Amino acid sequence: KIELSAQKYLIKFYSEIGFKKIGEEYLEDNIPH
């Protein structure tokens, strides 16, 4: 598997490649991920 921390606005981008969102939103460097 490949895990990544995606900025919230990029969820669609990564989903189109096949990534699945897991868990809840969190802040990383004050940016929603």
All heavy atoms as atom14 arrays in JSON, in Angstrom:
{
  "sequence": "KIELSAQKYLIKFYSEIGFKKIGEEYLEDNIPH",
  "atom14_mask": [
    [1, 1, 1, 1, 1, 1, 1, 1, 1, 0, 0, 0, 0, 0],
    [1, 1, 1, 1, 1, 1, 1, 1, 0, 0, 0, 0, 0, 0],
    [1, 1, 1, 1, 1, 1, 1, 1, 1, 0, 0, 0, 0, 0],
    [1, 1, 1, 1, 1, 1, 1, 1, 0, 0, 0, 0, 0, 0],
    [1, 1, 1, 1, 1, 1, 0, 0, 0, 0, 0, 0, 0, 0],
    [1, 1, 1, 1, 1, 0, 0, 0, 0, 0, 0, 0, 0, 0],
    [1, 1, 1, 1, 1, 1, 1, 1, 1, 0, 0, 0, 0, 0],
    [1, 1, 1, 1, 1, 1, 1, 1, 1, 0, 0, 0, 0, 0],
    [1, 1, 1, 1, 1, 1, 1, 1, 1, 1, 1, 1, 0, 0],
    [1, 1, 1, 1, 1, 1, 1, 1, 0, 0, 0, 0, 0, 0],
    [1, 1, 1, 1, 1, 1, 1, 1, 0, 0, 0, 0, 0, 0],
    [1, 1, 1, 1, 1, 1, 1, 1, 1, 0, 0, 0, 0, 0],
    [1, 1, 1, 1, 1, 1, 1, 1, 1, 1, 1, 0, 0, 0],
    [1, 1, 1, 1, 1, 1, 1, 1, 1, 1, 1, 1, 0, 0],
    [1, 1, 1, 1, 1, 1, 0, 0, 0, 0, 0, 0, 0, 0],
    [1, 1, 1, 1, 1, 1, 1, 1, 1, 0, 0, 0, 0, 0],
    [1, 1, 1, 1, 1, 1, 1, 1, 0, 0, 0, 0, 0, 0],
    [1, 1, 1, 1, 0, 0, 0, 0, 0, 0, 0, 0, 0, 0],
    [1, 1, 1, 1, 1, 1, 1, 1, 1, 1, 1, 0, 0, 0],
    [1, 1, 1, 1, 1, 1, 1, 1, 1, 0, 0, 0, 0, 0],
    [1, 1, 1, 1, 1, 1, 1, 1, 1, 0, 0, 0, 0, 0],
    [1, 1, 1, 1, 1, 1, 1, 1, 0, 0, 0, 0, 0, 0],
    [1, 1, 1, 1, 0, 0, 0, 0, 0, 0, 0, 0, 0, 0],
    [1, 1, 1, 1, 1, 1, 1, 1, 1, 0, 0, 0, 0, 0],
    [1, 1, 1, 1, 1, 1, 1, 1, 1, 0, 0, 0, 0, 0],
    [1, 1, 1, 1, 1, 1, 1, 1, 1, 1, 1, 1, 0, 0],
    [1, 1, 1, 1, 1, 1, 1, 1, 0, 0, 0, 0, 0, 0],
    [1, 1, 1, 1, 1, 1, 1, 1, 1, 0, 0, 0, 0, 0],
    [1, 1, 1, 1, 1, 1, 1, 1, 0, 0, 0, 0, 0, 0],
    [1, 1, 1, 1, 1, 1, 1, 1, 0, 0, 0, 0, 0, 0],
    [1, 1, 1, 1, 1, 1, 1, 1, 0, 0, 0, 0, 0, 0],
    [1, 1, 1, 1, 1, 1, 1, 0, 0, 0, 0, 0, 0, 0],
    [1, 1, 1, 1, 1, 1, 1, 1, 1, 1, 0, 0, 0, 0]
  ],
  "atom14_positions": [
    [[0.85, -1.19, 0.0], [0.0, 0.0, 0.0], [0.88, 1.24, 0.0], [2.05, 1.19, 0.36], [-0.93, 0.02, 1.21], [-0.22, 0.17, 2.53], [-1.19, 0.17, 3.69], [-0.41, 0.23, 5.0], [-1.25, 0.26, 6.15], [0.0, 0.0, 0.0], [0.0, 0.0, 0.0], [0.0, 0.0, 0.0], [0.0, 0.0, 0.0], [0.0, 0.0, 0.0]],
    [[0.27, 2.33, -0.43], [0.91, 3.64, -0.37], [0.0, 4.53, 0.46], [-1.2, 4.62, 0.18], [1.1, 4.25, -1.77], [1.96, 3.34, -2.65], [1.71, 5.65, -1.67], [2.0, 3.77, -4.11], [0.0, 0.0, 0.0], [0.0, 0.0, 0.0], [0.0, 0.0, 0.0], [0.0, 0.0, 0.0], [0.0, 0.0, 0.0], [0.0, 0.0, 0.0]],
    [[0.55, 5.14, 1.48], [-0.2, 6.07, 2.33], [0.3, 7.47, 2.07], [1.49, 7.68, 1.88], [0.01, 5.75, 3.81], [-0.68, 4.52, 4.29], [-0.54, 4.34, 5.8], [-0.47, 5.33, 6.53], [-0.49, 3.18, 6.21], [0.0, 0.0, 0.0], [0.0, 0.0, 0.0], [0.0, 0.0, 0.0], [0.0, 0.0, 0.0], [0.0, 0.0, 0.0]],
    [[-0.62, 8.42, 2.1], [-0.2, 9.81, 1.99], [-1.12, 10.72, 2.8], [-2.24, 10.33, 3.14], [-0.12, 10.25, 0.53], [-1.34, 10.11, -0.38], [-2.3, 11.28, -0.19], [-0.87, 10.05, -1.82], [0.0, 0.0, 0.0], [0.0, 0.0, 0.0], [0.0, 0.0, 0.0], [0.0, 0.0, 0.0], [0.0, 0.0, 0.0], [0.0, 0.0, 0.0]],
    [[-0.61, 11.88, 3.1], [-1.4, 12.93, 3.74], [-1.76, 13.93, 2.65], [-0.89, 14.65, 2.16], [-0.57, 13.64, 4.83], [-0.27, 12.77, 5.87], [0.0, 0.0, 0.0], [0.0, 0.0, 0.0], [0.0, 0.0, 0.0], [0.0, 0.0, 0.0], [0.0, 0.0, 0.0], [0.0, 0.0, 0.0], [0.0, 0.0, 0.0], [0.0, 0.0, 0.0]],
    [[-3.0, 13.93, 2.26], [-3.44, 14.8, 1.16], [-4.08, 16.07, 1.7], [-4.89, 16.01, 2.62], [-4.47, 14.06, 0.3], [0.0, 0.0, 0.0], [0.0, 0.0, 0.0], [0.0, 0.0, 0.0], [0.0, 0.0, 0.0], [0.0, 0.0, 0.0], [0.0, 0.0, 0.0], [0.0, 0.0, 0.0], [0.0, 0.0, 0.0], [0.0, 0.0, 0.0]],
    [[-3.69, 17.19, 1.12], [-4.4, 18.41, 1.46], [-5.85, 18.21, 1.02], [-6.12, 17.61, -0.03], [-3.78, 19.62, 0.77], [-2.42, 19.96, 1.34], [-1.84, 21.22, 0.72], [-2.52, 21.97, 0.03], [-0.57, 21.46, 0.99], [0.0, 0.0, 0.0], [0.0, 0.0, 0.0], [0.0, 0.0, 0.0], [0.0, 0.0, 0.0], [0.0, 0.0, 0.0]],
    [[-6.76, 18.7, 1.83], [-8.19, 18.44, 1.63], [-8.65, 18.78, 0.21], [-9.42, 18.04, -0.38], [-9.0, 19.22, 2.66], [-10.47, 18.93, 2.61], [-11.22, 19.7, 3.67], [-12.71, 19.48, 3.54], [-13.45, 20.27, 4.52], [0.0, 0.0, 0.0], [0.0, 0.0, 0.0], [0.0, 0.0, 0.0], [0.0, 0.0, 0.0], [0.0, 0.0, 0.0]],
    [[-8.15, 19.86, -0.34], [-8.62, 20.27, -1.66], [-8.15, 19.32, -2.77], [-8.62, 19.41, -3.91], [-8.24, 21.72, -1.96], [-6.82, 21.94, -2.44], [-6.56, 22.01, -3.81], [-5.76, 22.07, -1.56], [-5.27, 22.22, -4.27], [-4.47, 22.27, -2.02], [-4.23, 22.35, -3.38], [-2.95, 22.54, -3.83], [0.0, 0.0, 0.0], [0.0, 0.0, 0.0]],
    [[-7.23, 18.4, -2.45], [-6.71, 17.46, -3.44], [-7.31, 16.06, -3.35], [-6.87, 15.14, -4.03], [-5.18, 17.37, -3.32], [-4.44, 18.63, -3.78], [-2.98, 18.56, -3.38], [-4.59, 18.83, -5.28], [0.0, 0.0, 0.0], [0.0, 0.0, 0.0], [0.0, 0.0, 0.0], [0.0, 0.0, 0.0], [0.0, 0.0, 0.0], [0.0, 0.0, 0.0]],
    [[-8.34, 15.89, -2.53], [-8.97, 14.57, -2.37], [-9.43, 14.04, -3.72], [-9.18, 12.88, -4.06], [-10.13, 14.62, -1.37], [-9.6, 14.88, 0.05], [-10.95, 13.33, -1.4], [-10.68, 15.15, 1.08], [0.0, 0.0, 0.0], [0.0, 0.0, 0.0], [0.0, 0.0, 0.0], [0.0, 0.0, 0.0], [0.0, 0.0, 0.0], [0.0, 0.0, 0.0]],
    [[-10.08, 14.85, -4.53], [-10.57, 14.4, -5.85], [-9.41, 13.98, -6.74], [-9.47, 12.94, -7.41], [-11.38, 15.51, -6.52], [-11.96, 15.1, -7.85], [-12.81, 16.2, -8.45], [-13.42, 15.76, -9.75], [-12.93, 16.47, -10.91], [0.0, 0.0, 0.0], [0.0, 0.0, 0.0], [0.0, 0.0, 0.0], [0.0, 0.0, 0.0], [0.0, 0.0, 0.0]],
    [[-8.35, 14.75, -6.74], [-7.16, 14.44, -7.54], [-6.63, 13.04, -7.21], [-6.43, 12.21, -8.09], [-6.08, 15.5, -7.3], [-4.74, 15.17, -7.89], [-4.47, 15.41, -9.23], [-3.73, 14.62, -7.11], [-3.22, 15.11, -9.77], [-2.49, 14.32, -7.64], [-2.23, 14.56, -8.98], [0.0, 0.0, 0.0], [0.0, 0.0, 0.0], [0.0, 0.0, 0.0]],
    [[-6.42, 12.78, -5.91], [-5.87, 11.48, -5.5], [-6.89, 10.35, -5.69], [-6.51, 9.23, -6.02], [-5.38, 11.54, -4.06], [-4.1, 12.33, -3.92], [-4.07, 13.55, -3.25], [-2.91, 11.88, -4.49], [-2.89, 14.27, -3.13], [-1.74, 12.61, -4.39], [-1.74, 13.8, -3.71], [-0.58, 14.52, -3.61], [0.0, 0.0, 0.0], [0.0, 0.0, 0.0]],
    [[-8.17, 10.66, -5.51], [-9.21, 9.65, -5.73], [-9.23, 9.18, -7.17], [-9.43, 7.99, -7.46], [-10.58, 10.19, -5.34], [-10.64, 10.46, -3.96], [0.0, 0.0, 0.0], [0.0, 0.0, 0.0], [0.0, 0.0, 0.0], [0.0, 0.0, 0.0], [0.0, 0.0, 0.0], [0.0, 0.0, 0.0], [0.0, 0.0, 0.0], [0.0, 0.0, 0.0]],
    [[-9.0, 10.09, -8.1], [-8.98, 9.75, -9.52], [-7.84, 8.79, -9.86], [-7.91, 8.05, -10.84], [-8.87, 11.01, -10.38], [-10.13, 11.85, -10.37], [-9.98, 13.19, -11.06], [-8.84, 13.55, -11.46], [-11.0, 13.89, -11.19], [0.0, 0.0, 0.0], [0.0, 0.0, 0.0], [0.0, 0.0, 0.0], [0.0, 0.0, 0.0], [0.0, 0.0, 0.0]],
    [[-6.8, 8.78, -9.04], [-5.66, 7.89, -9.25], [-5.89, 6.55, -8.54], [-5.19, 5.59, -8.79], [-4.35, 8.55, -8.75], [-4.1, 9.85, -9.51], [-3.16, 7.63, -8.89], [-2.98, 10.7, -8.95], [0.0, 0.0, 0.0], [0.0, 0.0, 0.0], [0.0, 0.0, 0.0], [0.0, 0.0, 0.0], [0.0, 0.0, 0.0], [0.0, 0.0, 0.0]],
    [[-6.89, 6.5, -7.66], [-7.21, 5.25, -6.99], [-7.06, 5.26, -5.48], [-7.34, 4.27, -4.82], [0.0, 0.0, 0.0], [0.0, 0.0, 0.0], [0.0, 0.0, 0.0], [0.0, 0.0, 0.0], [0.0, 0.0, 0.0], [0.0, 0.0, 0.0], [0.0, 0.0, 0.0], [0.0, 0.0, 0.0], [0.0, 0.0, 0.0], [0.0, 0.0, 0.0]],
    [[-6.61, 6.37, -4.91], [-6.47, 6.47, -3.46], [-7.85, 6.55, -2.82], [-8.79, 7.11, -3.39], [-5.65, 7.7, -3.07], [-4.17, 7.54, -3.27], [-3.59, 7.8, -4.5], [-3.36, 7.15, -2.22], [-2.23, 7.65, -4.69], [-2.0, 7.0, -2.4], [-1.43, 7.25, -3.65], [0.0, 0.0, 0.0], [0.0, 0.0, 0.0], [0.0, 0.0, 0.0]],
    [[-7.96, 5.99, -1.62], [-9.2, 6.02, -0.83], [-8.95, 6.81, 0.44], [-7.94, 6.61, 1.12], [-9.66, 4.61, -0.45], [-9.83, 3.67, -1.62], [-11.01, 4.03, -2.47], [-11.17, 3.0, -3.59], [-11.79, 3.52, -4.75], [0.0, 0.0, 0.0], [0.0, 0.0, 0.0], [0.0, 0.0, 0.0], [0.0, 0.0, 0.0], [0.0, 0.0, 0.0]],
    [[-9.87, 7.69, 0.75], [-9.8, 8.49, 1.98], [-10.1, 7.59, 3.17], [-11.04, 6.8, 3.14], [-10.82, 9.62, 1.9], [-10.87, 10.49, 3.11], [-11.98, 11.53, 2.97], [-12.3, 12.01, 4.36], [-13.6, 12.54, 4.52], [0.0, 0.0, 0.0], [0.0, 0.0, 0.0], [0.0, 0.0, 0.0], [0.0, 0.0, 0.0], [0.0, 0.0, 0.0]],
    [[-9.27, 7.7, 4.2], [-9.54, 6.98, 5.44], [-9.39, 7.95, 6.61], [-8.59, 8.87, 6.56], [-8.61, 5.75, 5.64], [-7.16, 6.17, 5.71], [-8.82, 4.73, 4.54], [-6.25, 5.06, 6.17], [0.0, 0.0, 0.0], [0.0, 0.0, 0.0], [0.0, 0.0, 0.0], [0.0, 0.0, 0.0], [0.0, 0.0, 0.0], [0.0, 0.0, 0.0]],
    [[-10.19, 7.76, 7.6], [-10.09, 8.61, 8.78], [-10.71, 9.98, 8.59], [-11.34, 10.28, 7.58], [0.0, 0.0, 0.0], [0.0, 0.0, 0.0], [0.0, 0.0, 0.0], [0.0, 0.0, 0.0], [0.0, 0.0, 0.0], [0.0, 0.0, 0.0], [0.0, 0.0, 0.0], [0.0, 0.0, 0.0], [0.0, 0.0, 0.0], [0.0, 0.0, 0.0]],
    [[-10.48, 10.77, 9.6], [-11.07, 12.11, 9.64], [-10.05, 13.16, 9.21], [-8.84, 12.93, 9.22], [-11.53, 12.42, 11.07], [-12.62, 11.48, 11.58], [-13.9, 11.57, 10.77], [-14.3, 12.69, 10.41], [-14.47, 10.51, 10.48], [0.0, 0.0, 0.0], [0.0, 0.0, 0.0], [0.0, 0.0, 0.0], [0.0, 0.0, 0.0], [0.0, 0.0, 0.0]],
    [[-10.56, 14.32, 8.9], [-9.73, 15.46, 8.55], [-8.91, 15.89, 9.76], [-9.36, 15.81, 10.9], [-10.65, 16.6, 8.11], [-9.96, 17.85, 7.67], [-10.94, 18.93, 7.25], [-11.9, 18.64, 6.52], [-10.76, 20.08, 7.7], [0.0, 0.0, 0.0], [0.0, 0.0, 0.0], [0.0, 0.0, 0.0], [0.0, 0.0, 0.0], [0.0, 0.0, 0.0]],
    [[-7.69, 16.36, 9.52], [-6.81, 16.85, 10.59], [-5.98, 18.01, 10.04], [-5.9, 18.21, 8.82], [-5.91, 15.73, 11.12], [-5.05, 15.1, 10.07], [-3.77, 15.57, 9.81], [-5.53, 14.04, 9.3], [-2.97, 14.99, 8.83], [-4.75, 13.46, 8.32], [-3.47, 13.93, 8.09], [-2.7, 13.37, 7.12], [0.0, 0.0, 0.0], [0.0, 0.0, 0.0]],
    [[-5.4, 18.77, 10.94], [-4.57, 19.89, 10.53], [-3.1, 19.47, 10.53], [-2.62, 18.84, 11.47], [-4.74, 21.08, 11.47], [-6.06, 21.83, 11.39], [-6.1, 22.96, 12.4], [-6.3, 22.38, 9.98], [0.0, 0.0, 0.0], [0.0, 0.0, 0.0], [0.0, 0.0, 0.0], [0.0, 0.0, 0.0], [0.0, 0.0, 0.0], [0.0, 0.0, 0.0]],
    [[-2.43, 19.82, 9.46], [-0.99, 19.63, 9.34], [-0.44, 20.96, 8.85], [-0.85, 21.44, 7.78], [-0.68, 18.51, 8.36], [0.79, 18.15, 8.28], [1.03, 16.94, 7.38], [0.36, 15.9, 7.57], [1.88, 17.06, 6.49], [0.0, 0.0, 0.0], [0.0, 0.0, 0.0], [0.0, 0.0, 0.0], [0.0, 0.0, 0.0], [0.0, 0.0, 0.0]],
    [[0.4, 21.59, 9.64], [0.89, 22.94, 9.32], [-0.27, 23.92, 9.11], [-0.24, 24.78, 8.23], [1.79, 22.92, 8.08], [3.03, 22.07, 8.27], [3.56, 22.04, 9.4], [3.48, 21.44, 7.3], [0.0, 0.0, 0.0], [0.0, 0.0, 0.0], [0.0, 0.0, 0.0], [0.0, 0.0, 0.0], [0.0, 0.0, 0.0], [0.0, 0.0, 0.0]],
    [[-1.33, 23.74, 9.92], [-2.53, 24.58, 9.85], [-3.27, 24.49, 8.52], [-4.01, 25.39, 8.14], [-2.22, 26.04, 10.2], [-2.0, 26.23, 11.67], [-2.64, 25.57, 12.49], [-1.1, 27.12, 12.03], [0.0, 0.0, 0.0], [0.0, 0.0, 0.0], [0.0, 0.0, 0.0], [0.0, 0.0, 0.0], [0.0, 0.0, 0.0], [0.0, 0.0, 0.0]],
    [[-3.08, 23.39, 7.8], [-3.77, 23.15, 6.54], [-4.58, 21.87, 6.69], [-4.04, 20.86, 7.14], [-2.76, 22.99, 5.37], [-1.91, 24.26, 5.23], [-3.48, 22.67, 4.06], [-0.72, 24.1, 4.3], [0.0, 0.0, 0.0], [0.0, 0.0, 0.0], [0.0, 0.0, 0.0], [0.0, 0.0, 0.0], [0.0, 0.0, 0.0], [0.0, 0.0, 0.0]],
    [[-5.88, 21.88, 6.34], [-6.69, 20.65, 6.44], [-6.16, 19.54, 5.54], [-5.9, 19.76, 4.36], [-8.08, 21.08, 5.99], [-8.1, 22.56, 6.07], [-6.68, 23.01, 5.87], [0.0, 0.0, 0.0], [0.0, 0.0, 0.0], [0.0, 0.0, 0.0], [0.0, 0.0, 0.0], [0.0, 0.0, 0.0], [0.0, 0.0, 0.0], [0.0, 0.0, 0.0]],
    [[-5.96, 18.37, 6.12], [-5.45, 17.19, 5.42], [-6.34, 16.0, 5.73], [-7.07, 16.0, 6.71], [-4.04, 16.83, 5.88], [-2.95, 17.67, 5.29], [-2.77, 18.99, 5.63], [-1.99, 17.35, 4.42], [-1.71, 19.45, 4.97], [-1.23, 18.47, 4.22], [0.0, 0.0, 0.0], [0.0, 0.0, 0.0], [0.0, 0.0, 0.0], [0.0, 0.0, 0.0]]
  ]
}
